[in-house]
Amino acid sequence: MVSSGVITVSSDSVNGKSILANVTATNEGQADIAILGAASHIYWDLSAKQYIGFDFKDKNATVIHYFLMYDKKRNYREWLFTNPDPGNWIKVSADLRDTSYYESAPIDLSNIEQFEVGVFGGPANAQYTFQIDEVTVR
């Protein structure tokens, strides 16, 4: 799912193919893509896992990058990250056991229904291109 834009597959990747998102920001300057397990009645149990990570690439050093997970009750945990190397692949990793990240309410890691990656803090209706590859949970 994409906020507003197109998701395709790219051969520019870390390993094989990557997700390529060409998205338009909202009036508030946010642009994102999401994997919705709930749409297919899929819920991921991450309660025994410690980290989730992925490779990310974009050319936007000035916007705020984020990654969210929503549980079945729509509570979410948010991680913010920067892109210190615009135009190149970077590793993003989140410690699932660290509760110092922002949460809307305590998240139930045994019932995760959505992952979301995006940017915010830029101009309204701006165009963004970013890529995601090699999502891992361990």
C-alpha atoms as a PDB file:
ATOM      1  CA  MET A   1       0.000   0.000   0.000  1.00  0.00           C
ATOM      2  CA  VAL A   2       1.290   3.453  -0.832  1.00  0.00           C
ATOM      3  CA  SER A   3       0.074   6.811   0.529  1.00  0.00           C
ATOM      4  CA  SER A   4      -0.080   8.354  -2.951  1.00  0.00           C
ATOM      5  CA  GLY A   5       2.085   7.127  -5.785  1.00  0.00           C
ATOM      6  CA  VAL A   6       3.436   3.948  -7.332  1.00  0.00           C
ATOM      7  CA  ILE A   7       5.285   0.929  -5.948  1.00  0.00           C
ATOM      8  CA  THR A   8       7.380  -1.106  -8.380  1.00  0.00           C
ATOM      9  CA  VAL A   9      10.276  -3.552  -8.254  1.00  0.00           C
ATOM     10  CA  SER A  10      13.838  -2.510  -9.055  1.00  0.00           C
ATOM     11  CA  SER A  11      16.946  -4.515  -9.945  1.00  0.00           C
ATOM     12  CA  ASP A  12      18.952  -1.874  -8.033  1.00  0.00           C
ATOM     13  CA  SER A  13      19.112  -3.788  -4.788  1.00  0.00           C
ATOM     14  CA  VAL A  14      21.267  -5.226  -2.051  1.00  0.00           C
ATOM     15  CA  ASN A  15      20.341  -8.778  -2.998  1.00  0.00           C
ATOM     16  CA  GLY A  16      18.077  -9.573  -5.955  1.00  0.00           C
ATOM     17  CA  LYS A  17      15.300  -7.007  -6.287  1.00  0.00           C
ATOM     18  CA  SER A  18      14.081  -4.153  -4.116  1.00  0.00           C
ATOM     19  CA  ILE A  19      10.814  -2.315  -3.578  1.00  0.00           C
ATOM     20  CA  LEU A  20      10.929   1.059  -5.337  1.00  0.00           C
ATOM     21  CA  ALA A  21       8.418   3.650  -4.141  1.00  0.00           C
ATOM     22  CA  ASN A  22       7.692   6.856  -6.055  1.00  0.00           C
ATOM     23  CA  VAL A  23       5.348   8.706  -3.739  1.00  0.00           C
ATOM     24  CA  THR A  24       3.762  12.120  -3.312  1.00  0.00           C
ATOM     25  CA  ALA A  25       3.705  13.634   0.155  1.00  0.00           C
ATOM     26  CA  THR A  26       0.468  14.655   1.818  1.00  0.00           C
ATOM     27  CA  ASN A  27      -0.383  18.285   2.574  1.00  0.00           C
ATOM     28  CA  GLU A  28       1.453  17.675   5.878  1.00  0.00           C
ATOM     29  CA  GLY A  29       4.632  16.559   4.063  1.00  0.00           C
ATOM     30  CA  GLN A  30       4.405  12.827   4.831  1.00  0.00           C
ATOM     31  CA  ALA A  31       4.965  10.057   2.270  1.00  0.00           C
ATOM     32  CA  ASP A  32       5.060   6.347   3.060  1.00  0.00           C
ATOM     33  CA  ILE A  33       4.464   2.754   2.056  1.00  0.00           C
ATOM     34  CA  ALA A  34       2.997  -0.008   4.214  1.00  0.00           C
ATOM     35  CA  ILE A  35       2.775  -3.776   4.305  1.00  0.00           C
ATOM     36  CA  LEU A  36      -0.709  -4.626   5.573  1.00  0.00           C
ATOM     37  CA  GLY A  37      -0.911  -8.132   6.954  1.00  0.00           C
ATOM     38  CA  ALA A  38      -4.370  -7.431   8.356  1.00  0.00           C
ATOM     39  CA  ALA A  39      -5.780  -7.053   4.839  1.00  0.00           C
ATOM     40  CA  SER A  40      -5.088 -10.775   4.375  1.00  0.00           C
ATOM     41  CA  HIS A  41      -5.802 -11.678   8.014  1.00  0.00           C
ATOM     42  CA  ILE A  42      -2.079 -12.180   8.602  1.00  0.00           C
ATOM     43  CA  TYR A  43      -0.618 -11.203  11.958  1.00  0.00           C
ATOM     44  CA  TRP A  44       3.078 -11.598  12.693  1.00  0.00           C
ATOM     45  CA  ASP A  45       4.244 -12.876  16.076  1.00  0.00           C
ATOM     46  CA  LEU A  46       7.475 -11.040  16.880  1.00  0.00           C
ATOM     47  CA  SER A  47       7.324 -11.633  20.637  1.00  0.00           C
ATOM     48  CA  ALA A  48      10.326 -13.995  20.562  1.00  0.00           C
ATOM     49  CA  LYS A  49      12.324 -11.773  18.197  1.00  0.00           C
ATOM     50  CA  GLN A  50      14.844  -9.090  19.132  1.00  0.00           C
ATOM     51  CA  TYR A  51      15.536  -7.065  15.977  1.00  0.00           C
ATOM     52  CA  ILE A  52      13.877  -6.033  12.779  1.00  0.00           C
ATOM     53  CA  GLY A  53      15.931  -4.453  10.058  1.00  0.00           C
ATOM     54  CA  PHE A  54      15.991  -3.547   6.398  1.00  0.00           C
ATOM     55  CA  ASP A  55      18.144  -1.882   3.790  1.00  0.00           C
ATOM     56  CA  PHE A  56      16.997   1.582   2.720  1.00  0.00           C
ATOM     57  CA  LYS A  57      18.018   3.958  -0.050  1.00  0.00           C
ATOM     58  CA  ASP A  58      16.971   7.480  -0.946  1.00  0.00           C
ATOM     59  CA  LYS A  59      18.530  10.863  -1.737  1.00  0.00           C
ATOM     60  CA  ASN A  60      16.686  12.856   0.942  1.00  0.00           C
ATOM     61  CA  ALA A  61      19.035  13.920   3.734  1.00  0.00           C
ATOM     62  CA  THR A  62      16.860  16.807   4.962  1.00  0.00           C
ATOM     63  CA  VAL A  63      13.590  15.008   5.771  1.00  0.00           C
ATOM     64  CA  ILE A  64      12.876  12.826   8.782  1.00  0.00           C
ATOM     65  CA  HIS A  65      12.793   9.100   8.017  1.00  0.00           C
ATOM     66  CA  TYR A  66      10.657   6.735  10.054  1.00  0.00           C
ATOM     67  CA  PHE A  67       9.608   3.143  10.493  1.00  0.00           C
ATOM     68  CA  LEU A  68       6.429   2.067  12.304  1.00  0.00           C
ATOM     69  CA  MET A  69       4.858  -1.179  13.435  1.00  0.00           C
ATOM     70  CA  TYR A  70       1.165  -1.427  14.295  1.00  0.00           C
ATOM     71  CA  ASP A  71      -0.375  -4.167  16.394  1.00  0.00           C
ATOM     72  CA  LYS A  72      -3.876  -5.641  16.031  1.00  0.00           C
ATOM     73  CA  LYS A  73      -5.332  -2.882  18.271  1.00  0.00           C
ATOM     74  CA  ARG A  74      -3.658  -0.198  16.072  1.00  0.00           C
ATOM     75  CA  ASN A  75      -1.161   0.720  18.784  1.00  0.00           C
ATOM     76  CA  TYR A  76       2.144   1.594  17.187  1.00  0.00           C
ATOM     77  CA  ARG A  77       5.847   1.928  17.910  1.00  0.00           C
ATOM     78  CA  GLU A  78       7.865   4.425  15.915  1.00  0.00           C
ATOM     79  CA  TRP A  79      11.576   4.578  15.153  1.00  0.00           C
ATOM     80  CA  LEU A  80      13.179   7.626  13.544  1.00  0.00           C
ATOM     81  CA  PHE A  81      16.332   7.354  11.484  1.00  0.00           C
ATOM     82  CA  THR A  82      18.530   9.589   9.358  1.00  0.00           C
ATOM     83  CA  ASN A  83      20.145   8.954   6.020  1.00  0.00           C
ATOM     84  CA  PRO A  84      23.837   9.726   6.483  1.00  0.00           C
ATOM     85  CA  ASP A  85      24.702   8.489   2.976  1.00  0.00           C
ATOM     86  CA  PRO A  86      22.125   9.830   0.458  1.00  0.00           C
ATOM     87  CA  GLY A  87      22.013   7.865  -2.787  1.00  0.00           C
ATOM     88  CA  ASN A  88      23.496   4.710  -1.239  1.00  0.00           C
ATOM     89  CA  TRP A  89      22.072   1.740   0.622  1.00  0.00           C
ATOM     90  CA  ILE A  90      22.039   2.030   4.424  1.00  0.00           C
ATOM     91  CA  LYS A  91      21.132  -0.535   7.089  1.00  0.00           C
ATOM     92  CA  VAL A  92      18.258   0.328   9.418  1.00  0.00           C
ATOM     93  CA  SER A  93      17.836  -1.782  12.547  1.00  0.00           C
ATOM     94  CA  ALA A  94      15.336  -1.546  15.393  1.00  0.00           C
ATOM     95  CA  ASP A  95      15.636  -3.283  18.763  1.00  0.00           C
ATOM     96  CA  LEU A  96      12.189  -4.714  19.486  1.00  0.00           C
ATOM     97  CA  ARG A  97      12.950  -5.077  23.201  1.00  0.00           C
ATOM     98  CA  ASP A  98      13.904  -1.427  23.672  1.00  0.00           C
ATOM     99  CA  THR A  99      10.795   0.387  24.884  1.00  0.00           C
ATOM    100  CA  SER A 100      12.383   3.849  24.865  1.00  0.00           C
ATOM    101  CA  TYR A 101      11.078   4.431  21.330  1.00  0.00           C
ATOM    102  CA  TYR A 102       7.814   6.327  20.931  1.00  0.00           C
ATOM    103  CA  GLU A 103       4.678   4.220  21.370  1.00  0.00           C
ATOM    104  CA  SER A 104       1.065   5.331  21.086  1.00  0.00           C
ATOM    105  CA  ALA A 105       0.359   2.690  23.777  1.00  0.00           C
ATOM    106  CA  PRO A 106       2.165  -0.539  24.750  1.00  0.00           C
ATOM    107  CA  ILE A 107       2.481  -2.576  21.565  1.00  0.00           C
ATOM    108  CA  ASP A 108       1.597  -6.270  21.421  1.00  0.00           C
ATOM    109  CA  LEU A 109       4.524  -7.851  19.562  1.00  0.00           C
ATOM    110  CA  SER A 110       2.598 -11.113  19.240  1.00  0.00           C
ATOM    111  CA  ASN A 111      -0.004  -9.470  16.970  1.00  0.00           C
ATOM    112  CA  ILE A 112       1.746  -7.175  14.491  1.00  0.00           C
ATOM    113  CA  GLU A 113      -0.452  -6.333  11.519  1.00  0.00           C
ATOM    114  CA  GLN A 114       1.369  -3.541   9.672  1.00  0.00           C
ATOM    115  CA  PHE A 115       4.855  -2.270   8.861  1.00  0.00           C
ATOM    116  CA  GLU A 116       5.253   1.240   7.492  1.00  0.00           C
ATOM    117  CA  VAL A 117       8.298   3.102   6.175  1.00  0.00           C
ATOM    118  CA  GLY A 118       8.334   6.714   5.070  1.00  0.00           C
ATOM    119  CA  VAL A 119       9.450  10.299   5.408  1.00  0.00           C
ATOM    120  CA  PHE A 120       7.966  13.464   6.895  1.00  0.00           C
ATOM    121  CA  GLY A 121       8.929  17.032   7.564  1.00  0.00           C
ATOM    122  CA  GLY A 122       9.269  18.034   3.934  1.00  0.00           C
ATOM    123  CA  PRO A 123       7.090  20.321   1.835  1.00  0.00           C
ATOM    124  CA  ALA A 124       3.460  19.569   1.035  1.00  0.00           C
ATOM    125  CA  ASN A 125       2.937  17.411  -2.057  1.00  0.00           C
ATOM    126  CA  ALA A 126       6.693  16.872  -2.573  1.00  0.00           C
ATOM    127  CA  GLN A 127       7.802  13.919  -4.695  1.00  0.00           C
ATOM    128  CA  TYR A 128       9.944  11.260  -2.994  1.00  0.00           C
ATOM    129  CA  THR A 129      11.640   8.150  -4.271  1.00  0.00           C
ATOM    130  CA  PHE A 130      12.969   5.551  -1.870  1.00  0.00           C
ATOM    131  CA  GLN A 131      13.810   1.868  -1.895  1.00  0.00           C
ATOM    132  CA  ILE A 132      13.522  -0.945   0.649  1.00  0.00           C
ATOM    133  CA  ASP A 133      15.272  -4.300   0.488  1.00  0.00           C
ATOM    134  CA  GLU A 134      16.190  -7.284   2.631  1.00  0.00           C
ATOM    135  CA  VAL A 135      13.717  -7.005   5.512  1.00  0.00           C
ATOM    136  CA  THR A 136      14.922  -9.319   8.280  1.00  0.00           C
ATOM    137  CA  VAL A 137      13.572 -10.310  11.675  1.00  0.00           C
ATOM    138  CA  ARG A 138      15.752 -12.100  14.168  1.00  0.00           C
END
